Protein backbone atom coordinates (compact mmCIF):
# COMPACT_ATOMS: atom_id res chain seq x y z
CA UNK A 1 -4.76 28.01 17.09
CA UNK A 2 -4.52 24.21 16.79
CA UNK A 3 -1.78 22.88 14.49
CA UNK A 4 -2.89 20.71 11.54
CA UNK A 5 -3.34 17.00 12.17
CA UNK A 6 -1.43 16.28 8.96
CA UNK A 7 0.94 18.69 7.28
CA UNK A 8 2.91 17.85 4.14
CA UNK A 9 5.45 20.38 2.86
CA UNK A 10 7.42 20.12 -0.37
CA UNK A 11 7.21 16.31 -0.45
CA UNK A 12 9.51 14.85 -3.10
CA UNK A 13 10.06 11.18 -3.92
CA UNK A 14 12.80 9.88 -6.19
CA UNK A 15 12.83 6.31 -7.47
CA UNK A 16 15.77 4.41 -8.97
CA UNK A 17 15.32 3.24 -12.55
CA UNK A 18 17.56 1.54 -15.10
CA UNK A 19 18.15 5.00 -16.61
CA UNK A 20 18.93 6.75 -13.29
CA UNK A 21 16.77 8.55 -10.77
CA UNK A 22 13.20 9.51 -11.64
CA UNK A 23 11.50 12.29 -9.67
CA UNK A 24 8.12 10.66 -9.09
CA UNK A 25 6.75 13.40 -6.80
CA UNK A 26 7.82 17.03 -6.94
CA UNK A 27 6.78 19.55 -4.32
CA UNK A 28 3.51 18.12 -2.95
CA UNK A 29 2.16 20.28 -0.12
CA UNK A 30 -1.13 20.26 1.80
CA UNK A 31 -2.45 20.33 5.35
CA UNK A 32 -5.46 18.83 7.01
CA UNK A 33 -7.07 19.68 10.35
CA UNK A 34 -8.62 17.11 12.67
CA UNK A 35 -12.08 16.20 11.37
CA UNK A 36 -11.40 17.35 7.82
CA UNK A 37 -11.54 15.13 4.77
CA UNK A 38 -9.05 15.48 1.94
CA UNK A 39 -9.36 13.96 -1.50
CA UNK A 40 -6.41 13.53 -3.84
CA UNK A 41 -7.65 13.58 -7.40
CA UNK A 42 -5.88 13.49 -10.72
CA UNK A 43 -5.18 11.48 -13.80
CA UNK A 44 -3.62 8.04 -13.73
CA UNK A 45 0.08 8.17 -12.93
CA UNK A 46 0.05 11.65 -11.37
CA UNK A 47 1.25 10.47 -7.95
CA UNK A 48 -1.85 9.99 -5.81
CA UNK A 49 -0.95 6.48 -4.67
CA UNK A 50 2.73 7.33 -4.29
CA UNK A 51 1.80 10.28 -2.06
CA UNK A 52 -0.29 7.99 0.16
CA UNK A 53 2.48 5.37 0.30
CA UNK A 54 4.98 8.07 1.26
CA UNK A 55 2.72 9.27 4.09
CA UNK A 56 2.53 5.73 5.46
CA UNK A 57 6.24 5.03 5.02
CA UNK A 58 5.49 2.20 2.57
CA UNK A 59 7.57 3.29 -0.42
CA UNK A 60 9.55 0.75 -2.45
CA UNK A 61 13.05 -0.08 -1.32
CA UNK A 62 15.58 2.47 -2.56
CA UNK A 63 13.10 5.37 -2.75
CA UNK A 64 14.46 8.73 -1.58
CA UNK A 65 12.13 11.08 0.28
CA UNK A 66 12.67 14.75 1.02
CA UNK A 67 10.43 17.44 2.39
CA UNK A 68 8.32 17.15 5.51
CA UNK A 69 5.44 14.94 6.63
CA UNK A 70 4.13 15.84 10.09
CA UNK A 71 1.40 13.88 11.87
CA UNK A 72 0.13 15.68 14.98
CA UNK A 73 3.38 17.64 14.99
CA UNK A 74 5.66 14.57 14.73
CA UNK A 75 8.01 14.45 11.76
CA UNK A 76 7.59 11.11 9.98
CA UNK A 77 10.30 11.28 7.31
CA UNK A 78 13.07 10.72 9.83
CA UNK A 79 11.46 7.78 11.68
CA UNK A 80 12.86 4.27 11.35
CA UNK A 81 10.72 1.28 10.35
CA UNK A 82 9.98 0.23 13.96
CA UNK A 83 8.67 3.69 14.85
CA UNK A 84 6.53 3.81 11.69
CA UNK A 85 5.13 0.34 12.47
CA UNK A 86 4.08 1.59 15.91
CA UNK A 87 2.10 4.43 14.28
CA UNK A 88 0.45 2.34 11.57
CA UNK A 89 -2.92 1.12 12.74
CA UNK A 90 -2.68 3.10 15.99
CA UNK A 91 -2.46 6.67 14.65
CA UNK A 92 -2.76 6.27 10.88
CA UNK A 93 -4.16 3.79 8.44
CA UNK A 94 -4.75 3.24 4.77
CA UNK A 95 -7.43 1.53 2.71
CA UNK A 96 -5.59 0.06 -0.25
CA UNK A 97 -6.94 0.22 -3.79
CA UNK A 98 -8.56 -3.23 -3.71
CA UNK A 99 -11.68 -2.42 -1.64
CA UNK A 100 -13.09 -5.95 -1.78
CA UNK A 101 -10.18 -7.20 0.33
CA UNK A 102 -9.75 -4.08 2.47
CA UNK A 103 -13.34 -3.32 3.51
CA UNK A 104 -15.93 -5.50 5.22
CA UNK A 105 -19.30 -5.38 3.39
CA UNK A 106 -21.14 -6.08 6.67
CA UNK A 107 -20.22 -2.65 8.06
CA UNK A 108 -20.71 0.83 6.67
CA UNK A 109 -17.70 2.52 5.10
CA UNK A 110 -18.01 5.37 7.60
CA UNK A 111 -17.75 2.97 10.54
CA UNK A 112 -14.69 1.26 9.06
CA UNK A 113 -12.85 4.45 8.25
């Protein structure tokens, strides 16, 4: 059996605030096989964007991450910035929420993704 391409287990993200630590994500878990598509849906403020930023290692300074994020079997939560930079663009990517600046209208979305 082939291991999942992406496996997230008990992902938790804490953010510093003026009133102390805020648990922004609590126990997010999912897995995705190669060729699958996964959609994160939910109301505004539920953690969809924060989950994606955590996967990419792009959380705000001071954020604390626990749990596991594995890409093709490699644990990402323990990688330093240089190692994450080497993966971004080569093994993983993200289309940010402003599609007019992230996507090229001359190409289909499928081709770009």
